[in-house]
PDB file of N, CA and C in Angstrom:
ATOM      1  N   MET A   1      44.799-107.454  16.310  1.00  0.00           N
ATOM      2  CA  MET A   1      44.405-106.111  15.757  1.00  0.00           C
ATOM      3  C   MET A   1      44.414-104.938  16.819  1.00  0.00           C
ATOM      4  N   LYS A   2      45.364-104.188  16.818  1.00  0.00           N
ATOM      5  CA  LYS A   2      45.556-103.145  17.791  1.00  0.00           C
ATOM      6  C   LYS A   2      44.386-101.864  17.587  1.00  0.00           C
ATOM      7  N   LYS A   3      43.917-101.492  16.473  1.00  0.00           N
ATOM      8  CA  LYS A   3      42.993-100.655  16.307  1.00  0.00           C
ATOM      9  C   LYS A   3      41.648-101.045  15.565  1.00  0.00           C
ATOM     10  N   GLU A   4      40.652-100.322  15.597  1.00  0.00           N
ATOM     11  CA  GLU A   4      39.222-100.768  15.164  1.00  0.00           C
ATOM     12  C   GLU A   4      39.527-100.938  13.796  1.00  0.00           C
ATOM     13  N   TYR A   5      38.989-101.854  12.698  1.00  0.00           N
ATOM     14  CA  TYR A   5      39.264-102.050  11.298  1.00  0.00           C
ATOM     15  C   TYR A   5      37.736-102.184  10.768  1.00  0.00           C
ATOM     16  N   GLU A   6      37.696-101.150   9.681  1.00  0.00           N
ATOM     17  CA  GLU A   6      36.392-101.327   8.912  1.00  0.00           C
ATOM     18  C   GLU A   6      36.720-101.914   7.585  1.00  0.00           C
ATOM     19  N   PHE A   7      36.009-102.954   7.355  1.00  0.00           N
ATOM     20  CA  PHE A   7      35.953-103.761   6.135  1.00  0.00           C
ATOM     21  C   PHE A   7      35.259-103.037   5.091  1.00  0.00           C
ATOM     22  N   SER A   8      36.001-103.384   3.981  1.00  0.00           N
ATOM     23  CA  SER A   8      35.209-102.691   2.764  1.00  0.00           C
ATOM     24  C   SER A   8      34.409-104.217   2.312  1.00  0.00           C
ATOM     25  N   GLU A   9      33.685-103.875   1.109  1.00  0.00           N
ATOM     26  CA  GLU A   9      32.721-104.945   0.689  1.00  0.00           C
ATOM     27  C   GLU A   9      33.789-106.059   0.128  1.00  0.00           C
ATOM     28  N   TRP A  10      34.525-105.538  -0.690  1.00  0.00           N
ATOM     29  CA  TRP A  10      35.730-106.589  -1.089  1.00  0.00           C
ATOM     30  C   TRP A  10      36.183-107.413  -0.205  1.00  0.00           C
ATOM     31  N   GLU A  11      36.575-106.806   0.990  1.00  0.00           N
ATOM     32  CA  GLU A  11      37.158-107.756   2.219  1.00  0.00           C
ATOM     33  C   GLU A  11      36.347-108.555   3.028  1.00  0.00           C
ATOM     34  N   LEU A  12      35.034-107.940   2.995  1.00  0.00           N
ATOM     35  CA  LEU A  12      33.848-108.924   3.526  1.00  0.00           C
ATOM     36  C   LEU A  12      33.763-110.232   2.647  1.00  0.00           C
ATOM     37  N   GLU A  13      33.960-109.899   1.331  1.00  0.00           N
ATOM     38  CA  GLU A  13      33.530-111.325   0.256  1.00  0.00           C
ATOM     39  C   GLU A  13      35.009-112.019   0.517  1.00  0.00           C
ATOM     40  N   VAL A  14      36.123-111.576   0.919  1.00  0.00           N
ATOM     41  CA  VAL A  14      37.476-112.659   1.089  1.00  0.00           C
ATOM     42  C   VAL A  14      37.031-113.186   2.242  1.00  0.00           C
ATOM     43  N   ILE A  15      36.459-112.698   3.271  1.00  0.00           N
ATOM     44  CA  ILE A  15      36.186-113.423   4.567  1.00  0.00           C
ATOM     45  C   ILE A  15      35.507-114.310   4.413  1.00  0.00           C
ATOM     46  N   LYS A  16      34.235-113.973   3.570  1.00  0.00           N
ATOM     47  CA  LYS A  16      33.036-114.974   3.390  1.00  0.00           C
ATOM     48  C   LYS A  16      33.861-116.404   2.676  1.00  0.00           C
ATOM     49  N   ILE A  17      34.733-116.328   1.792  1.00  0.00           N
ATOM     50  CA  ILE A  17      35.382-117.287   1.021  1.00  0.00           C
ATOM     51  C   ILE A  17      36.202-118.101   1.891  1.00  0.00           C
ATOM     52  N   LEU A  18      37.100-117.367   2.690  1.00  0.00           N
ATOM     53  CA  LEU A  18      37.859-117.954   3.838  1.00  0.00           C
ATOM     54  C   LEU A  18      37.128-118.835   4.712  1.00  0.00           C
ATOM     55  N   LYS A  19      35.845-118.165   5.174  1.00  0.00           N
ATOM     56  CA  LYS A  19      34.916-118.992   5.750  1.00  0.00           C
ATOM     57  C   LYS A  19      34.510-120.442   5.400  1.00  0.00           C
ATOM     58  N   LYS A  20      34.165-120.463   4.094  1.00  0.00           N
ATOM     59  CA  LYS A  20      33.587-121.535   3.505  1.00  0.00           C
ATOM     60  C   LYS A  20      34.841-122.426   2.956  1.00  0.00           C
ATOM     61  N   THR A  21      35.837-121.888   2.352  1.00  0.00           N
ATOM     62  CA  THR A  21      36.868-122.872   1.879  1.00  0.00           C
ATOM     63  C   THR A  21      37.949-123.365   3.036  1.00  0.00           C
ATOM     64  N   LYS A  22      37.982-122.455   4.206  1.00  0.00           N
ATOM     65  CA  LYS A  22      38.989-122.734   5.123  1.00  0.00           C
ATOM     66  C   LYS A  22      40.459-122.929   4.823  1.00  0.00           C
ATOM     67  N   LEU A  23      40.622-122.386   3.627  1.00  0.00           N
ATOM     68  CA  LEU A  23      41.947-122.638   3.032  1.00  0.00           C
ATOM     69  C   LEU A  23      42.697-121.305   2.608  1.00  0.00           C
ATOM     70  N   VAL A  24      43.916-120.807   2.768  1.00  0.00           N
ATOM     71  CA  VAL A  24      44.777-120.093   2.228  1.00  0.00           C
ATOM     72  C   VAL A  24      46.060-120.508   1.519  1.00  0.00           C
ATOM     73  N   TYR A  25      46.464-120.219   0.518  1.00  0.00           N
ATOM     74  CA  TYR A  25      47.324-120.567  -0.218  1.00  0.00           C
ATOM     75  C   TYR A  25      48.706-119.435  -0.092  1.00  0.00           C
ATOM     76  N   THR A  26      49.791-120.269   0.700  1.00  0.00           N
ATOM     77  CA  THR A  26      51.022-119.372   0.971  1.00  0.00           C
ATOM     78  C   THR A  26      52.195-119.578   0.079  1.00  0.00           C
ATOM     79  N   THR A  27      53.035-118.487  -0.115  1.00  0.00           N
ATOM     80  CA  THR A  27      54.166-118.599  -0.970  1.00  0.00           C
ATOM     81  C   THR A  27      55.271-117.761  -0.154  1.00  0.00           C
ATOM     82  N   LEU A  28      56.214-118.574  -0.127  1.00  0.00           N
ATOM     83  CA  LEU A  28      57.503-118.101   0.514  1.00  0.00           C
ATOM     84  C   LEU A  28      58.158-116.997  -0.744  1.00  0.00           C
ATOM     85  N   LEU A  29      58.278-115.692  -0.248  1.00  0.00           N
ATOM     86  CA  LEU A  29      59.002-114.892  -1.165  1.00  0.00           C
ATOM     87  C   LEU A  29      60.455-114.460  -0.870  1.00  0.00           C
ATOM     88  N   HIS A  30      61.002-114.480   0.491  1.00  0.00           N
ATOM     89  CA  HIS A  30      62.017-114.207   0.826  1.00  0.00           C
ATOM     90  C   HIS A  30      62.533-114.449   2.201  1.00  0.00           C
ATOM     91  N   VAL A  31      63.790-114.978   2.377  1.00  0.00           N
ATOM     92  CA  VAL A  31      64.332-115.325   3.781  1.00  0.00           C
ATOM     93  C   VAL A  31      65.492-114.555   3.923  1.00  0.00           C
ATOM     94  N   ASN A  32      65.521-113.757   5.209  1.00  0.00           N
ATOM     95  CA  ASN A  32      66.861-113.093   5.327  1.00  0.00           C
ATOM     96  C   ASN A  32      67.980-113.847   5.819  1.00  0.00           C
ATOM     97  N   LYS A  33      69.148-113.564   5.510  1.00  0.00           N
ATOM     98  CA  LYS A  33      70.452-114.643   5.483  1.00  0.00           C
ATOM     99  C   LYS A  33      70.528-115.146   7.035  1.00  0.00           C
ATOM    100  N   ASN A  34      69.982-114.468   8.163  1.00  0.00           N
ATOM    101  CA  ASN A  34      69.759-115.465   9.553  1.00  0.00           C
ATOM    102  C   ASN A  34      68.820-116.429   9.705  1.00  0.00           C
ATOM    103  N   TYR A  35      67.954-116.579   8.597  1.00  0.00           N
ATOM    104  CA  TYR A  35      66.823-117.343   8.503  1.00  0.00           C
ATOM    105  C   TYR A  35      65.614-116.739   9.801  1.00  0.00           C
ATOM    106  N   SER A  36      65.746-115.696  10.114  1.00  0.00           N
ATOM    107  CA  SER A  36      64.720-115.077  11.262  1.00  0.00           C
ATOM    108  C   SER A  36      63.685-114.139  10.747  1.00  0.00           C
ATOM    109  N   VAL A  37      63.734-113.793   9.531  1.00  0.00           N
ATOM    110  CA  VAL A  37      62.684-112.993   8.721  1.00  0.00           C
ATOM    111  C   VAL A  37      62.335-113.397   7.457  1.00  0.00           C
ATOM    112  N   ARG A  38      60.909-113.781   7.438  1.00  0.00           N
ATOM    113  CA  ARG A  38      60.519-114.331   6.189  1.00  0.00           C
ATOM    114  C   ARG A  38      59.498-113.213   5.689  1.00  0.00           C
ATOM    115  N   GLU A  39      59.245-113.171   4.015  1.00  0.00           N
ATOM    116  CA  GLU A  39      58.126-112.766   3.386  1.00  0.00           C
ATOM    117  C   GLU A  39      57.176-113.568   2.930  1.00  0.00           C
ATOM    118  N   ILE A  40      56.204-113.580   3.454  1.00  0.00           N
ATOM    119  CA  ILE A  40      55.244-114.714   2.855  1.00  0.00           C
ATOM    120  C   ILE A  40      54.062-113.988   2.484  1.00  0.00           C
ATOM    121  N   GLN A  41      53.544-114.477   1.133  1.00  0.00           N
ATOM    122  CA  GLN A  41      52.233-114.161   0.048  1.00  0.00           C
ATOM    123  C   GLN A  41      51.172-114.887   0.553  1.00  0.00           C
ATOM    124  N   PHE A  42      49.864-114.265   1.085  1.00  0.00           N
ATOM    125  CA  PHE A  42      48.815-115.034   1.007  1.00  0.00           C
ATOM    126  C   PHE A  42      47.775-114.838   0.073  1.00  0.00           C
ATOM    127  N   ASN A  43      47.293-116.041  -0.510  1.00  0.00           N
ATOM    128  CA  ASN A  43      46.297-115.982  -1.913  1.00  0.00           C
ATOM    129  C   ASN A  43      45.097-116.777  -1.397  1.00  0.00           C
ATOM    130  N   ILE A  44      43.995-116.453  -2.090  1.00  0.00           N
ATOM    131  CA  ILE A  44      42.842-117.402  -2.265  1.00  0.00           C
ATOM    132  C   ILE A  44      42.303-117.584  -3.486  1.00  0.00           C
ATOM    133  N   ALA A  45      41.678-118.357  -3.695  1.00  0.00           N
ATOM    134  CA  ALA A  45      40.929-118.616  -5.114  1.00  0.00           C
ATOM    135  C   ALA A  45      39.722-117.688  -5.228  1.00  0.00           C
ATOM    136  N   MET A  46      39.426-116.947  -6.070  1.00  0.00           N
ATOM    137  CA  MET A  46      38.204-115.941  -6.162  1.00  0.00           C
ATOM    138  C   MET A  46      37.944-115.655  -7.658  1.00  0.00           C
ATOM    139  N   ASP A  47      36.634-116.163  -7.932  1.00  0.00           N
ATOM    140  CA  ASP A  47      36.061-116.104  -9.108  1.00  0.00           C
ATOM    141  C   ASP A  47      37.217-116.725 -10.082  1.00  0.00           C
ATOM    142  N   ASN A  48      37.521-117.641 -10.000  1.00  0.00           N
ATOM    143  CA  ASN A  48      38.688-118.681 -10.881  1.00  0.00           C
ATOM    144  C   ASN A  48      39.986-117.859 -11.291  1.00  0.00           C
ATOM    145  N   LYS A  49      40.198-116.971 -10.033  1.00  0.00           N
ATOM    146  CA  LYS A  49      41.492-116.081 -10.296  1.00  0.00           C
ATOM    147  C   LYS A  49      42.258-116.460  -8.876  1.00  0.00           C
ATOM    148  N   VAL A  50      43.278-116.180  -8.860  1.00  0.00           N
ATOM    149  CA  VAL A  50      44.326-116.259  -7.628  1.00  0.00           C
ATOM    150  C   VAL A  50      44.323-114.684  -7.199  1.00  0.00           C
ATOM    151  N   VAL A  51      43.997-114.639  -5.833  1.00  0.00           N
ATOM    152  CA  VAL A  51      43.959-113.084  -5.610  1.00  0.00           C
ATOM    153  C   VAL A  51      44.707-113.012  -4.431  1.00  0.00           C
ATOM    154  N   ASN A  52      45.685-112.186  -4.320  1.00  0.00           N
ATOM    155  CA  ASN A  52      46.522-111.747  -3.020  1.00  0.00           C
ATOM    156  C   ASN A  52      45.849-111.132  -2.030  1.00  0.00           C
ATOM    157  N   ILE A  53      45.961-111.798  -0.663  1.00  0.00           N
ATOM    158  CA  ILE A  53      45.269-110.967   0.125  1.00  0.00           C
ATOM    159  C   ILE A  53      46.296-110.751   1.326  1.00  0.00           C
ATOM    160  N   SER A  54      47.328-110.405   0.904  1.00  0.00           N
ATOM    161  CA  SER A  54      48.357-110.235   2.037  1.00  0.00           C
ATOM    162  C   SER A  54      48.119-109.018   2.889  1.00  0.00           C
ATOM    163  N   TYR A  55      47.826-108.263   2.044  1.00  0.00           N
ATOM    164  CA  TYR A  55      47.454-106.656   2.662  1.00  0.00           C
ATOM    165  C   TYR A  55      46.412-106.835   3.745  1.00  0.00           C
ATOM    166  N   LEU A  56      45.396-107.481   3.296  1.00  0.00           N
ATOM    167  CA  LEU A  56      44.576-107.849   4.573  1.00  0.00           C
ATOM    168  C   LEU A  56      44.594-108.491   5.571  1.00  0.00           C
ATOM    169  N   VAL A  57      45.554-109.792   5.464  1.00  0.00           N
ATOM    170  CA  VAL A  57      46.198-110.580   6.609  1.00  0.00           C
ATOM    171  C   VAL A  57      46.918-109.603   7.087  1.00  0.00           C
ATOM    172  N   GLY A  58      48.034-108.948   6.808  1.00  0.00           N
ATOM    173  CA  GLY A  58      48.696-107.851   7.384  1.00  0.00           C
ATOM    174  C   GLY A  58      47.813-107.185   8.383  1.00  0.00           C
ATOM    175  N   ALA A  59      46.930-106.383   7.821  1.00  0.00           N
ATOM    176  CA  ALA A  59      46.022-105.467   8.668  1.00  0.00           C
ATOM    177  C   ALA A  59      45.261-105.987   9.635  1.00  0.00           C
ATOM    178  N   LEU A  60      44.867-107.190   9.398  1.00  0.00           N
ATOM    179  CA  LEU A  60      44.298-107.846  10.369  1.00  0.00           C
ATOM    180  C   LEU A  60      44.856-108.233  11.545  1.00  0.00           C
ATOM    181  N   LEU A  61      46.009-108.802  11.367  1.00  0.00           N
ATOM    182  CA  LEU A  61      46.906-109.728  12.226  1.00  0.00           C
ATOM    183  C   LEU A  61      48.306-108.538  12.913  1.00  0.00           C
ATOM    184  N   ASP A  62      48.157-107.283  12.084  1.00  0.00           N
ATOM    185  CA  ASP A  62      49.323-106.510  12.604  1.00  0.00           C
ATOM    186  C   ASP A  62      50.683-106.516  12.264  1.00  0.00           C
ATOM    187  N   TYR A  63      50.956-107.341  10.994  1.00  0.00           N
ATOM    188  CA  TYR A  63      51.955-107.512  10.501  1.00  0.00           C
ATOM    189  C   TYR A  63      52.401-106.463   9.304  1.00  0.00           C
ATOM    190  N   LYS A  64      53.618-106.030   9.238  1.00  0.00           N
ATOM    191  CA  LYS A  64      54.188-105.090   8.201  1.00  0.00           C
ATOM    192  C   LYS A  64      54.027-105.659   6.655  1.00  0.00           C
ATOM    193  N   THR A  65      53.458-105.176   5.873  1.00  0.00           N
ATOM    194  CA  THR A  65      53.570-105.579   4.328  1.00  0.00           C
ATOM    195  C   THR A  65      55.134-105.204   3.943  1.00  0.00           C
ATOM    196  N   ASN A  66      55.756-106.192   2.975  1.00  0.00           N
ATOM    197  CA  ASN A  66      56.923-105.937   2.355  1.00  0.00           C
ATOM    198  C   ASN A  66      56.877-104.550   1.279  1.00  0.00           C
ATOM    199  N   HIS A  67      57.854-104.333   1.066  1.00  0.00           N
ATOM    200  CA  HIS A  67      57.980-102.901   0.048  1.00  0.00           C
ATOM    201  C   HIS A  67      56.964-102.789  -0.918  1.00  0.00           C
ATOM    202  N   SER A  68      56.817-103.733  -1.521  1.00  0.00           N
ATOM    203  CA  SER A  68      55.794-103.936  -2.732  1.00  0.00           C
ATOM    204  C   SER A  68      54.492-104.522  -2.565  1.00  0.00           C
ATOM    205  N   CYS A  69      54.317-104.542  -1.132  1.00  0.00           N
ATOM    206  CA  CYS A  69      53.014-105.241  -0.526  1.00  0.00           C
ATOM    207  C   CYS A  69      52.547-106.492  -1.520  1.00  0.00           C
ATOM    208  N   ASN A  70      53.488-107.270  -1.874  1.00  0.00           N
ATOM    209  CA  ASN A  70      53.433-108.487  -2.387  1.00  0.00           C
ATOM    210  C   ASN A  70      52.972-109.646  -1.158  1.00  0.00           C
ATOM    211  N   GLY A  71      53.492-109.359   0.024  1.00  0.00           N
ATOM    212  CA  GLY A  71      53.593-110.409   1.009  1.00  0.00           C
ATOM    213  C   GLY A  71      53.640-109.377   2.523  1.00  0.00           C
ATOM    214  N   ILE A  72      53.655-110.407   3.694  1.00  0.00           N
ATOM    215  CA  ILE A  72      54.009-109.624   4.848  1.00  0.00           C
ATOM    216  C   ILE A  72      55.243-110.292   5.290  1.00  0.00           C
ATOM    217  N   VAL A  73      55.882-109.450   6.249  1.00  0.00           N
ATOM    218  CA  VAL A  73      56.808-109.857   6.844  1.00  0.00           C
ATOM    219  C   VAL A  73      56.632-110.623   8.315  1.00  0.00           C
ATOM    220  N   VAL A  74      57.196-111.543   8.483  1.00  0.00           N
ATOM    221  CA  VAL A  74      56.812-112.436   9.826  1.00  0.00           C
ATOM    222  C   VAL A  74      58.319-112.733  10.120  1.00  0.00           C
ATOM    223  N   LYS A  75      58.468-112.392  11.636  1.00  0.00           N
ATOM    224  CA  LYS A  75      59.871-112.689  12.251  1.00  0.00           C
ATOM    225  C   LYS A  75      59.575-114.003  13.076  1.00  0.00           C
ATOM    226  N   GLY A  76      60.679-114.647  13.072  1.00  0.00           N
ATOM    227  CA  GLY A  76      60.518-115.885  13.996  1.00  0.00           C
ATOM    228  C   GLY A  76      60.981-117.122  13.111  1.00  0.00           C
ATOM    229  N   GLY A  77      60.893-118.178  13.827  1.00  0.00           N
ATOM    230  CA  GLY A  77      61.573-119.341  13.088  1.00  0.00           C
ATOM    231  C   GLY A  77      61.449-120.702  14.108  1.00  0.00           C
ATOM    232  N   GLY A  78      61.732-121.636  13.580  1.00  0.00           N
ATOM    233  CA  GLY A  78      61.631-122.869  14.231  1.00  0.00           C
ATOM    234  C   GLY A  78      60.281-123.670  13.854  1.00  0.00           C
ATOM    235  N   MET A  79      59.428-123.041  13.160  1.00  0.00           N
ATOM    236  CA  MET A  79      58.353-123.548  12.698  1.00  0.00           C
ATOM    237  C   MET A  79      57.780-123.286  11.491  1.00  0.00           C
ATOM    238  N   ASP A  80      56.683-123.837  10.970  1.00  0.00           N
ATOM    239  CA  ASP A  80      56.012-123.500   9.798  1.00  0.00           C
ATOM    240  C   ASP A  80      55.379-122.165   9.865  1.00  0.00           C
ATOM    241  N   MET A  81      55.864-120.916   9.530  1.00  0.00           N
ATOM    242  CA  MET A  81      55.533-119.544   9.616  1.00  0.00           C
ATOM    243  C   MET A  81      54.400-119.095   9.004  1.00  0.00           C
ATOM    244  N   GLY A  82      53.957-119.888   7.788  1.00  0.00           N
ATOM    245  CA  GLY A  82      52.954-119.689   7.106  1.00  0.00           C
ATOM    246  C   GLY A  82      51.733-120.209   7.746  1.00  0.00           C
ATOM    247  N   PHE A  83      51.926-121.634   8.400  1.00  0.00           N
ATOM    248  CA  PHE A  83      50.812-122.337   9.039  1.00  0.00           C
ATOM    249  C   PHE A  83      50.526-121.523  10.235  1.00  0.00           C
ATOM    250  N   ALA A  84      51.779-120.816  11.054  1.00  0.00           N
ATOM    251  CA  ALA A  84      51.389-120.095  12.456  1.00  0.00           C
ATOM    252  C   ALA A  84      50.484-119.014  11.960  1.00  0.00           C
ATOM    253  N   VAL A  85      50.877-118.119  10.961  1.00  0.00           N
ATOM    254  CA  VAL A  85      49.990-117.183  10.461  1.00  0.00           C
ATOM    255  C   VAL A  85      48.470-117.321  10.278  1.00  0.00           C
ATOM    256  N   ALA A  86      48.350-118.302   9.519  1.00  0.00           N
ATOM    257  CA  ALA A  86      47.206-118.848   8.935  1.00  0.00           C
ATOM    258  C   ALA A  86      46.271-119.501   9.876  1.00  0.00           C
ATOM    259  N   TYR A  87      47.118-120.023  10.929  1.00  0.00           N
ATOM    260  CA  TYR A  87      46.313-120.374  12.128  1.00  0.00           C
ATOM    261  C   TYR A  87      45.929-119.230  13.130  1.00  0.00           C
ATOM    262  N   ARG A  88      46.688-118.279  13.202  1.00  0.00           N
ATOM    263  CA  ARG A  88      46.142-116.856  14.025  1.00  0.00           C
ATOM    264  C   ARG A  88      44.752-116.406  13.187  1.00  0.00           C
ATOM    265  N   LEU A  89      45.021-116.311  11.734  1.00  0.00           N
ATOM    266  CA  LEU A  89      44.040-115.902  11.085  1.00  0.00           C
ATOM    267  C   LEU A  89      42.896-116.791  11.263  1.00  0.00           C
ATOM    268  N   GLY A  90      43.109-117.917  11.304  1.00  0.00           N
ATOM    269  CA  GLY A  90      41.541-118.752  11.501  1.00  0.00           C
ATOM    270  C   GLY A  90      41.061-118.461  12.708  1.00  0.00           C
ATOM    271  N   GLU A  91      41.980-118.651  13.796  1.00  0.00           N
ATOM    272  CA  GLU A  91      41.550-117.983  15.274  1.00  0.00           C
ATOM    273  C   GLU A  91      40.722-116.482  15.312  1.00  0.00           C
ATOM    274  N   MET A  92      41.261-115.573  14.654  1.00  0.00           N
ATOM    275  CA  MET A  92      40.739-114.411  14.576  1.00  0.00           C
ATOM    276  C   MET A  92      39.261-114.172  13.899  1.00  0.00           C
ATOM    277  N   LEU A  93      39.132-114.974  12.846  1.00  0.00           N
ATOM    278  CA  LEU A  93      37.991-114.836  12.136  1.00  0.00           C
ATOM    279  C   LEU A  93      36.954-116.182  12.488  1.00  0.00           C
ATOM    280  N   GLU A  94      37.510-116.987  13.533  1.00  0.00           N
ATOM    281  CA  GLU A  94      36.553-117.864  14.106  1.00  0.00           C
ATOM    282  C   GLU A  94      36.090-118.953  13.199  1.00  0.00           C
ATOM    283  N   ILE A  95      37.409-119.342  12.216  1.00  0.00           N
ATOM    284  CA  ILE A  95      37.274-120.610  11.465  1.00  0.00           C
ATOM    285  C   ILE A  95      37.840-121.975  12.283  1.00  0.00           C
ATOM    286  N   LYS A  96      37.218-122.969  12.570  1.00  0.00           N
ATOM    287  CA  LYS A  96      37.584-124.415  12.800  1.00  0.00           C
ATOM    288  C   LYS A  96      38.288-124.839  11.647  1.00  0.00           C
ATOM    289  N   GLY A  97      39.581-125.421  12.109  1.00  0.00           N
ATOM    290  CA  GLY A  97      39.969-126.106  10.711  1.00  0.00           C
ATOM    291  C   GLY A  97      40.748-125.596   9.902  1.00  0.00           C
ATOM    292  N   PHE A  98      40.851-124.141   9.975  1.00  0.00           N
ATOM    293  CA  PHE A  98      41.561-123.322   8.758  1.00  0.00           C
ATOM    294  C   PHE A  98      43.114-123.679   8.505  1.00  0.00           C
ATOM    295  N   THR A  99      43.670-123.888   7.715  1.00  0.00           N
ATOM    296  CA  THR A  99      44.829-124.332   7.292  1.00  0.00           C
ATOM    297  C   THR A  99      45.424-123.584   5.995  1.00  0.00           C
ATOM    298  N   ASN A 100      46.722-123.885   5.808  1.00  0.00           N
ATOM    299  CA  ASN A 100      47.268-123.295   4.665  1.00  0.00           C
ATOM    300  C   ASN A 100      47.722-124.223   3.436  1.00  0.00           C
ATOM    301  N   VAL A 101      48.134-124.074   2.353  1.00  0.00           N
ATOM    302  CA  VAL A 101      48.735-124.959   1.448  1.00  0.00           C
ATOM    303  C   VAL A 101      49.912-124.238   0.801  1.00  0.00           C
ATOM    304  N   TRP A 102      51.109-124.490   1.071  1.00  0.00           N
ATOM    305  CA  TRP A 102      52.288-123.876   0.192  1.00  0.00           C
ATOM    306  C   TRP A 102      52.385-124.204  -1.188  1.00  0.00           C
ATOM    307  N   LEU A 103      52.551-123.042  -2.018  1.00  0.00           N
ATOM    308  CA  LEU A 103      52.681-122.849  -3.472  1.00  0.00           C
ATOM    309  C   LEU A 103      54.108-122.900  -3.733  1.00  0.00           C
TER     310      LEU A 103
END
Protein backbone atom coordinates (compact mmCIF):
# COMPACT_ATOMS: atom_id res chain seq x y z
CA MET A 1 0.00 0.00 0.00
CA LYS A 2 1.68 3.18 -1.18
CA LYS A 3 -0.27 5.81 0.76
CA GLU A 4 -1.82 5.88 4.21
CA TYR A 5 -5.29 4.37 4.16
CA GLU A 6 -8.05 5.20 6.66
CA PHE A 7 -10.53 2.40 7.24
CA SER A 8 -14.25 2.99 7.48
CA GLU A 9 -16.32 1.18 10.10
CA TRP A 10 -17.56 -1.26 7.44
CA GLU A 11 -14.01 -2.01 6.26
CA LEU A 12 -12.91 -2.69 9.85
CA GLU A 13 -15.81 -5.15 10.17
CA VAL A 14 -14.70 -6.87 6.93
CA ILE A 15 -11.13 -7.16 8.23
CA LYS A 16 -12.46 -8.63 11.49
CA ILE A 17 -14.38 -11.27 9.50
CA LEU A 18 -11.29 -12.03 7.37
CA LYS A 19 -9.21 -12.55 10.50
CA LYS A 20 -11.86 -14.83 12.00
CA THR A 21 -12.58 -16.99 8.92
CA LYS A 22 -9.12 -16.82 7.27
CA LEU A 23 -10.95 -17.22 3.97
CA VAL A 24 -11.90 -15.20 0.91
CA TYR A 25 -13.98 -16.43 -2.04
CA THR A 26 -12.58 -15.67 -5.50
CA THR A 27 -14.26 -15.64 -8.91
CA LEU A 28 -12.48 -15.31 -12.24
CA LEU A 29 -14.37 -12.67 -14.24
CA HIS A 30 -12.20 -12.25 -17.35
CA VAL A 31 -8.87 -13.29 -18.91
CA ASN A 32 -7.32 -11.37 -21.80
CA LYS A 33 -6.45 -13.19 -25.02
CA ASN A 34 -2.74 -13.43 -24.09
CA TYR A 35 -3.58 -14.95 -20.68
CA SER A 36 -1.44 -12.30 -19.00
CA VAL A 37 -4.16 -10.17 -17.35
CA ARG A 38 -7.05 -11.41 -15.25
CA GLU A 39 -9.99 -9.74 -13.54
CA ILE A 40 -10.73 -11.46 -10.24
CA GLN A 41 -13.55 -10.77 -7.82
CA PHE A 42 -13.06 -11.18 -4.06
CA ASN A 43 -16.02 -11.95 -1.78
CA ILE A 44 -16.75 -12.83 1.83
CA ALA A 45 -19.79 -14.17 3.65
CA MET A 46 -21.16 -11.41 5.88
CA ASP A 47 -24.55 -11.45 7.65
CA ASN A 48 -25.66 -14.47 5.57
CA LYS A 49 -24.92 -12.59 2.32
CA VAL A 50 -22.12 -12.70 -0.21
CA VAL A 51 -20.33 -9.35 -0.12
CA ASN A 52 -17.92 -8.12 -2.81
CA ILE A 53 -14.76 -6.75 -1.18
CA SER A 54 -12.74 -6.33 -4.39
CA TYR A 55 -12.49 -2.55 -4.01
CA LEU A 56 -11.05 -2.92 -0.50
CA VAL A 57 -8.56 -5.61 -1.65
CA GLY A 58 -7.51 -3.37 -4.56
CA ALA A 59 -7.04 -0.36 -2.29
CA LEU A 60 -5.02 -2.30 0.27
CA LEU A 61 -2.73 -4.02 -2.23
CA ASP A 62 -2.53 -1.29 -4.93
CA TYR A 63 -4.43 -3.17 -7.65
CA LYS A 64 -6.63 -1.36 -10.14
CA THR A 65 -10.32 -2.21 -10.14
CA ASN A 66 -12.01 -3.15 -13.41
CA HIS A 67 -14.35 -0.69 -15.12
CA SER A 68 -17.40 -1.74 -13.10
CA CYS A 69 -15.51 -2.25 -9.78
CA ASN A 70 -16.68 -5.87 -9.67
CA GLY A 71 -13.12 -7.14 -9.44
CA ILE A 72 -9.45 -6.22 -9.51
CA VAL A 73 -7.06 -6.36 -12.46
CA VAL A 74 -4.18 -8.78 -11.83
CA LYS A 75 -1.24 -8.98 -14.22
CA GLY A 76 0.91 -12.07 -14.49
CA GLY A 77 0.47 -15.78 -14.87
CA GLY A 78 1.99 -19.18 -14.41
CA MET A 79 0.44 -19.65 -10.99
CA ASP A 80 -2.88 -19.39 -9.17
CA MET A 81 -3.27 -15.59 -9.23
CA GLY A 82 -6.29 -15.65 -6.91
CA PHE A 83 -4.24 -17.49 -4.30
CA ALA A 84 -1.30 -15.12 -4.87
CA VAL A 85 -3.45 -12.06 -4.15
CA ALA A 86 -5.17 -13.76 -1.19
CA TYR A 87 -1.76 -14.71 0.22
CA ARG A 88 -0.55 -11.10 -0.06
CA LEU A 89 -3.74 -9.91 1.63
CA GLY A 90 -3.21 -12.38 4.47
CA GLU A 91 0.39 -11.23 4.88
CA MET A 92 -0.65 -7.58 4.96
CA LEU A 93 -3.35 -8.19 7.56
CA GLU A 94 -1.02 -10.55 9.49
CA ILE A 95 -3.34 -13.57 9.19
CA LYS A 96 -1.56 -16.95 9.29
CA GLY A 97 -3.15 -19.68 7.18
CA PHE A 98 -5.23 -17.25 5.07
CA THR A 99 -6.44 -18.78 1.81
CA ASN A 100 -9.01 -18.55 -0.97
CA VAL A 101 -11.72 -20.76 -2.42
CA TRP A 102 -12.63 -20.45 -6.11
CA LEU A 103 -16.33 -20.11 -6.92
